[in-house]
Structure formats: C-alpha cells, structure tokens
Amino acid sequence: MEILKTISYAGTMEVLAALGKGPKRFTEIMFETKLNPGILNRVLKTLITSGIVGRCGNDEGYELTEKGIKISLYILKIVEVSNNEKPENLALINILATRLEQVKSSPVS
C-alpha cells in the first residue's frame, strides 16, 4: 500500500513519465514536467526512498530502477484500459518494456 500512497502524490506521475523515456537531470525533469523545484525535489526524494527512482552513476541525474520501470508499466497499462490506447502511452509502454528487458538481461555487478 505504501507504493500506492507514493504514486498518488501530486507530480509523481509526471516524473515517472519523464524518467520512463530515460535518465534525466533535475532541470530536464523540471522543464518537462513543469513542476516547481520544491515540489520536484520532494517527489524525487519520496521516489528514491521508495526505491522507484535512483541516482545515475557519477551523480549525472535520476533514472527509474527496475522496480520503477515495472510500476510505470503497470500504471500505463491500467491507464490504457480506461482511456482507449493513446499513441503516446503506447510508445512509452514500448520504451519501458524494452528498458525492463535490458535491465533483466544485464549482468549484476
């Protein structure tokens, strides 16, 4: 239930959609989501604490974790059932599915 609470926060879905396309820096997420820095900072901290988002190597920004990719895929599939398959959501589903396969097939260090 904690995950449902986390993803229900204002701005969270926008951040997940932005990061679903690939890793991004704070300012890139801010401009894409149109969230003010304070709200974005709070959302990112919550998502990191929940294990949905992680920091990229060398402090280069933020990215979805494997858990975050799975959650984003589930959310998009639920949205698609209720909203009649929008092309932008289908494209993001395909991107996330590909990223999930890459994460699963990469060797663990």
N, C-alpha and C. Protein backbone atom coordinates (compact mmCIF):
# COMPACT_ATOMS: atom_id res chain seq x y z
N MET A 1 0.81 -1.20 0.00
CA MET A 1 0.00 0.00 0.00
C MET A 1 0.86 1.26 0.00
N GLU A 2 2.07 1.16 0.50
CA GLU A 2 2.96 2.32 0.54
C GLU A 2 3.24 2.85 -0.87
N ILE A 3 3.37 1.94 -1.84
CA ILE A 3 3.63 2.37 -3.22
C ILE A 3 2.46 3.17 -3.76
N LEU A 4 1.24 2.73 -3.47
CA LEU A 4 0.06 3.47 -3.94
C LEU A 4 0.03 4.87 -3.35
N LYS A 5 0.39 4.98 -2.09
CA LYS A 5 0.45 6.30 -1.46
C LYS A 5 1.52 7.16 -2.14
N THR A 6 2.66 6.58 -2.41
CA THR A 6 3.76 7.31 -3.03
C THR A 6 3.38 7.82 -4.42
N ILE A 7 2.79 6.96 -5.24
CA ILE A 7 2.49 7.39 -6.61
C ILE A 7 1.28 8.31 -6.68
N SER A 8 0.56 8.45 -5.58
CA SER A 8 -0.60 9.35 -5.59
C SER A 8 -0.23 10.81 -5.32
N TYR A 9 0.99 11.08 -4.91
CA TYR A 9 1.42 12.45 -4.64
C TYR A 9 1.38 13.28 -5.92
N ALA A 10 1.02 14.54 -5.79
CA ALA A 10 0.98 15.46 -6.94
C ALA A 10 2.35 15.52 -7.62
N GLY A 11 2.36 15.38 -8.92
CA GLY A 11 3.59 15.47 -9.69
C GLY A 11 4.30 14.15 -9.92
N THR A 12 3.95 13.12 -9.17
CA THR A 12 4.66 11.85 -9.27
C THR A 12 4.48 11.20 -10.64
N MET A 13 3.27 11.19 -11.15
CA MET A 13 3.02 10.55 -12.45
C MET A 13 3.81 11.26 -13.56
N GLU A 14 3.89 12.58 -13.48
CA GLU A 14 4.64 13.33 -14.48
C GLU A 14 6.13 12.98 -14.43
N VAL A 15 6.66 12.84 -13.23
CA VAL A 15 8.07 12.49 -13.07
C VAL A 15 8.32 11.07 -13.59
N LEU A 16 7.43 10.13 -13.28
CA LEU A 16 7.59 8.77 -13.77
C LEU A 16 7.55 8.73 -15.30
N ALA A 17 6.64 9.50 -15.89
CA ALA A 17 6.56 9.55 -17.36
C ALA A 17 7.84 10.13 -17.96
N ALA A 18 8.36 11.19 -17.36
CA ALA A 18 9.59 11.81 -17.87
C ALA A 18 10.77 10.84 -17.78
N LEU A 19 10.91 10.17 -16.64
CA LEU A 19 12.02 9.23 -16.45
C LEU A 19 11.80 7.93 -17.21
N GLY A 20 10.55 7.65 -17.58
CA GLY A 20 10.27 6.45 -18.35
C GLY A 20 10.97 6.47 -19.70
N LYS A 21 11.23 7.66 -20.21
CA LYS A 21 11.90 7.81 -21.50
C LYS A 21 13.42 7.66 -21.39
N GLY A 22 13.93 7.72 -20.16
CA GLY A 22 15.37 7.57 -19.95
C GLY A 22 15.85 8.48 -18.84
N PRO A 23 17.10 8.30 -18.41
CA PRO A 23 17.66 9.12 -17.33
C PRO A 23 17.64 10.61 -17.68
N LYS A 24 17.46 11.42 -16.66
CA LYS A 24 17.41 12.87 -16.86
C LYS A 24 18.00 13.58 -15.65
N ARG A 25 18.51 14.78 -15.90
CA ARG A 25 18.97 15.66 -14.82
C ARG A 25 17.77 16.37 -14.22
N PHE A 26 17.97 16.94 -13.03
CA PHE A 26 16.92 17.63 -12.30
C PHE A 26 16.24 18.68 -13.18
N THR A 27 17.04 19.53 -13.83
CA THR A 27 16.46 20.62 -14.63
C THR A 27 15.68 20.09 -15.83
N GLU A 28 16.15 19.00 -16.42
CA GLU A 28 15.42 18.40 -17.55
C GLU A 28 14.05 17.92 -17.09
N ILE A 29 14.01 17.27 -15.93
CA ILE A 29 12.73 16.80 -15.39
C ILE A 29 11.84 18.00 -15.07
N MET A 30 12.41 19.03 -14.48
CA MET A 30 11.65 20.22 -14.10
C MET A 30 11.00 20.87 -15.33
N PHE A 31 11.75 21.03 -16.40
CA PHE A 31 11.19 21.66 -17.60
C PHE A 31 10.17 20.76 -18.29
N GLU A 32 10.43 19.46 -18.33
CA GLU A 32 9.49 18.55 -18.99
C GLU A 32 8.18 18.42 -18.22
N THR A 33 8.26 18.40 -16.90
CA THR A 33 7.05 18.21 -16.09
C THR A 33 6.38 19.53 -15.72
N LYS A 34 7.12 20.63 -15.84
CA LYS A 34 6.62 21.96 -15.44
C LYS A 34 6.32 22.04 -13.94
N LEU A 35 7.04 21.23 -13.16
CA LEU A 35 6.91 21.27 -11.70
C LEU A 35 7.89 22.29 -11.15
N ASN A 36 7.49 22.99 -10.07
CA ASN A 36 8.44 23.91 -9.47
C ASN A 36 9.51 23.10 -8.73
N PRO A 37 10.69 23.68 -8.52
CA PRO A 37 11.81 22.93 -7.94
C PRO A 37 11.50 22.32 -6.58
N GLY A 38 10.75 23.00 -5.74
CA GLY A 38 10.43 22.47 -4.42
C GLY A 38 9.60 21.20 -4.48
N ILE A 39 8.58 21.23 -5.32
CA ILE A 39 7.72 20.04 -5.46
C ILE A 39 8.50 18.91 -6.10
N LEU A 40 9.27 19.22 -7.15
CA LEU A 40 10.06 18.18 -7.81
C LEU A 40 11.05 17.56 -6.85
N ASN A 41 11.72 18.36 -6.04
CA ASN A 41 12.66 17.84 -5.06
C ASN A 41 11.97 16.88 -4.09
N ARG A 42 10.78 17.27 -3.60
CA ARG A 42 10.02 16.41 -2.68
C ARG A 42 9.63 15.10 -3.35
N VAL A 43 9.14 15.19 -4.59
CA VAL A 43 8.73 13.99 -5.32
C VAL A 43 9.91 13.06 -5.54
N LEU A 44 11.05 13.60 -5.97
CA LEU A 44 12.22 12.76 -6.21
C LEU A 44 12.71 12.10 -4.93
N LYS A 45 12.74 12.83 -3.83
CA LYS A 45 13.16 12.25 -2.55
C LYS A 45 12.25 11.09 -2.15
N THR A 46 10.94 11.27 -2.33
CA THR A 46 9.97 10.22 -1.99
C THR A 46 10.18 9.00 -2.89
N LEU A 47 10.37 9.23 -4.18
CA LEU A 47 10.57 8.12 -5.12
C LEU A 47 11.89 7.38 -4.86
N ILE A 48 12.92 8.11 -4.48
CA ILE A 48 14.21 7.48 -4.16
C ILE A 48 14.07 6.64 -2.89
N THR A 49 13.42 7.19 -1.87
CA THR A 49 13.21 6.47 -0.62
C THR A 49 12.41 5.18 -0.85
N SER A 50 11.48 5.24 -1.78
CA SER A 50 10.63 4.08 -2.09
C SER A 50 11.32 3.08 -3.01
N GLY A 51 12.50 3.42 -3.52
CA GLY A 51 13.22 2.51 -4.40
C GLY A 51 12.71 2.50 -5.83
N ILE A 52 11.93 3.51 -6.20
CA ILE A 52 11.36 3.60 -7.54
C ILE A 52 12.29 4.35 -8.48
N VAL A 53 13.02 5.29 -7.94
CA VAL A 53 13.98 6.10 -8.70
C VAL A 53 15.33 6.00 -8.01
N GLY A 54 16.39 6.02 -8.81
CA GLY A 54 17.74 6.01 -8.26
C GLY A 54 18.57 7.10 -8.91
N ARG A 55 19.70 7.38 -8.31
CA ARG A 55 20.65 8.35 -8.88
C ARG A 55 21.48 7.63 -9.93
N CYS A 56 21.77 8.31 -11.02
CA CYS A 56 22.63 7.76 -12.06
C CYS A 56 24.07 7.77 -11.56
N GLY A 57 24.90 6.97 -12.18
CA GLY A 57 26.31 6.95 -11.83
C GLY A 57 26.95 8.32 -11.99
N ASN A 58 27.94 8.63 -11.19
CA ASN A 58 28.66 9.91 -11.22
C ASN A 58 27.73 11.09 -11.00
N ASP A 59 26.63 10.86 -10.29
CA ASP A 59 25.69 11.94 -9.94
C ASP A 59 25.20 12.68 -11.19
N GLU A 60 24.93 11.95 -12.26
CA GLU A 60 24.53 12.54 -13.54
C GLU A 60 23.03 12.75 -13.66
N GLY A 61 22.26 12.51 -12.64
CA GLY A 61 20.82 12.70 -12.73
C GLY A 61 20.07 11.57 -12.06
N TYR A 62 18.88 11.31 -12.58
CA TYR A 62 17.97 10.34 -11.99
C TYR A 62 17.50 9.36 -13.05
N GLU A 63 17.16 8.14 -12.61
CA GLU A 63 16.62 7.15 -13.52
C GLU A 63 15.70 6.22 -12.76
N LEU A 64 14.80 5.57 -13.50
CA LEU A 64 13.93 4.58 -12.88
C LEU A 64 14.74 3.35 -12.54
N THR A 65 14.46 2.76 -11.39
CA THR A 65 15.05 1.47 -11.03
C THR A 65 14.23 0.39 -11.73
N GLU A 66 14.64 -0.85 -11.62
CA GLU A 66 13.84 -1.95 -12.18
C GLU A 66 12.43 -1.92 -11.58
N LYS A 67 12.35 -1.69 -10.29
CA LYS A 67 11.05 -1.57 -9.62
C LYS A 67 10.24 -0.41 -10.21
N GLY A 68 10.90 0.71 -10.46
CA GLY A 68 10.24 1.88 -11.03
C GLY A 68 9.73 1.63 -12.44
N ILE A 69 10.51 0.90 -13.23
CA ILE A 69 10.08 0.56 -14.60
C ILE A 69 8.83 -0.32 -14.54
N LYS A 70 8.85 -1.33 -13.66
CA LYS A 70 7.69 -2.22 -13.53
C LYS A 70 6.45 -1.45 -13.09
N ILE A 71 6.60 -0.60 -12.10
CA ILE A 71 5.46 0.19 -11.61
C ILE A 71 4.92 1.09 -12.71
N SER A 72 5.81 1.74 -13.44
CA SER A 72 5.38 2.62 -14.53
C SER A 72 4.63 1.85 -15.61
N LEU A 73 5.12 0.65 -15.93
CA LEU A 73 4.44 -0.19 -16.92
C LEU A 73 3.04 -0.56 -16.45
N TYR A 74 2.92 -0.97 -15.20
CA TYR A 74 1.60 -1.33 -14.66
C TYR A 74 0.64 -0.16 -14.69
N ILE A 75 1.13 1.01 -14.31
CA ILE A 75 0.28 2.21 -14.30
C ILE A 75 -0.19 2.53 -15.72
N LEU A 76 0.73 2.51 -16.67
CA LEU A 76 0.36 2.81 -18.06
C LEU A 76 -0.64 1.80 -18.61
N LYS A 77 -0.48 0.54 -18.25
CA LYS A 77 -1.43 -0.47 -18.73
C LYS A 77 -2.81 -0.24 -18.13
N ILE A 78 -2.87 0.16 -16.87
CA ILE A 78 -4.15 0.47 -16.24
C ILE A 78 -4.79 1.68 -16.93
N VAL A 79 -3.99 2.70 -17.19
CA VAL A 79 -4.49 3.90 -17.87
C VAL A 79 -5.01 3.54 -19.26
N GLU A 80 -4.30 2.69 -19.97
CA GLU A 80 -4.71 2.30 -21.31
C GLU A 80 -6.06 1.58 -21.31
N VAL A 81 -6.30 0.75 -20.31
CA VAL A 81 -7.58 0.04 -20.23
C VAL A 81 -8.73 1.03 -20.10
N SER A 82 -8.51 2.11 -19.38
CA SER A 82 -9.59 3.06 -19.14
C SER A 82 -9.63 4.21 -20.14
N ASN A 83 -8.56 4.44 -20.93
CA ASN A 83 -8.51 5.62 -21.80
C ASN A 83 -8.41 5.32 -23.29
N ASN A 84 -8.67 4.12 -23.72
CA ASN A 84 -8.64 3.80 -25.16
C ASN A 84 -7.30 4.09 -25.84
N GLU A 85 -6.30 3.39 -25.48
CA GLU A 85 -4.98 3.37 -26.13
C GLU A 85 -4.55 4.64 -26.84
N LYS A 86 -3.94 5.54 -26.11
CA LYS A 86 -3.38 6.75 -26.70
C LYS A 86 -1.99 6.43 -27.26
N PRO A 87 -1.66 6.94 -28.44
CA PRO A 87 -0.36 6.61 -29.06
C PRO A 87 0.84 6.95 -28.18
N GLU A 88 0.79 8.09 -27.47
CA GLU A 88 1.94 8.46 -26.63
C GLU A 88 2.13 7.49 -25.47
N ASN A 89 1.02 6.96 -24.93
CA ASN A 89 1.13 5.97 -23.86
C ASN A 89 1.63 4.64 -24.39
N LEU A 90 1.16 4.26 -25.58
CA LEU A 90 1.65 3.01 -26.18
C LEU A 90 3.14 3.09 -26.48
N ALA A 91 3.59 4.25 -26.95
CA ALA A 91 5.03 4.43 -27.22
C ALA A 91 5.83 4.31 -25.93
N LEU A 92 5.33 4.91 -24.84
CA LEU A 92 6.03 4.84 -23.56
C LEU A 92 6.01 3.41 -23.01
N ILE A 93 4.91 2.69 -23.21
CA ILE A 93 4.85 1.29 -22.79
C ILE A 93 5.93 0.49 -23.51
N ASN A 94 6.09 0.72 -24.81
CA ASN A 94 7.12 0.00 -25.58
C ASN A 94 8.53 0.35 -25.10
N ILE A 95 8.77 1.62 -24.82
CA ILE A 95 10.09 2.05 -24.31
C ILE A 95 10.37 1.37 -22.97
N LEU A 96 9.39 1.40 -22.07
CA LEU A 96 9.58 0.81 -20.74
C LEU A 96 9.76 -0.70 -20.81
N ALA A 97 9.01 -1.36 -21.68
CA ALA A 97 9.15 -2.81 -21.83
C ALA A 97 10.55 -3.17 -22.31
N THR A 98 11.06 -2.39 -23.26
CA THR A 98 12.42 -2.62 -23.76
C THR A 98 13.45 -2.38 -22.65
N ARG A 99 13.27 -1.29 -21.89
CA ARG A 99 14.21 -0.99 -20.81
C ARG A 99 14.18 -2.09 -19.74
N LEU A 100 12.99 -2.62 -19.44
CA LEU A 100 12.87 -3.68 -18.44
C LEU A 100 13.62 -4.93 -18.91
N GLU A 101 13.49 -5.27 -20.18
CA GLU A 101 14.22 -6.43 -20.72
C GLU A 101 15.73 -6.20 -20.64
N GLN A 102 16.18 -4.98 -20.91
CA GLN A 102 17.60 -4.68 -20.83
C GLN A 102 18.11 -4.81 -19.39
N VAL A 103 17.33 -4.33 -18.45
CA VAL A 103 17.72 -4.41 -17.04
C VAL A 103 17.80 -5.86 -16.59
N LYS A 104 16.82 -6.65 -17.01
CA LYS A 104 16.78 -8.06 -16.61
C LYS A 104 17.92 -8.87 -17.23
N SER A 105 18.33 -8.49 -18.44
CA SER A 105 19.36 -9.26 -19.11
C SER A 105 20.78 -8.79 -18.81
N SER A 106 20.93 -7.62 -18.17
CA SER A 106 22.28 -7.15 -17.88
C SER A 106 22.84 -7.88 -16.66
N PRO A 107 24.14 -8.17 -16.70
CA PRO A 107 24.77 -8.89 -15.58
C PRO A 107 24.79 -8.03 -14.33
N VAL A 108 24.60 -8.66 -13.19
CA VAL A 108 24.65 -7.96 -11.92
C VAL A 108 26.10 -7.81 -11.50
N SER A 109 26.48 -6.57 -11.12
CA SER A 109 27.88 -6.33 -10.72
C SER A 109 28.08 -6.59 -9.26
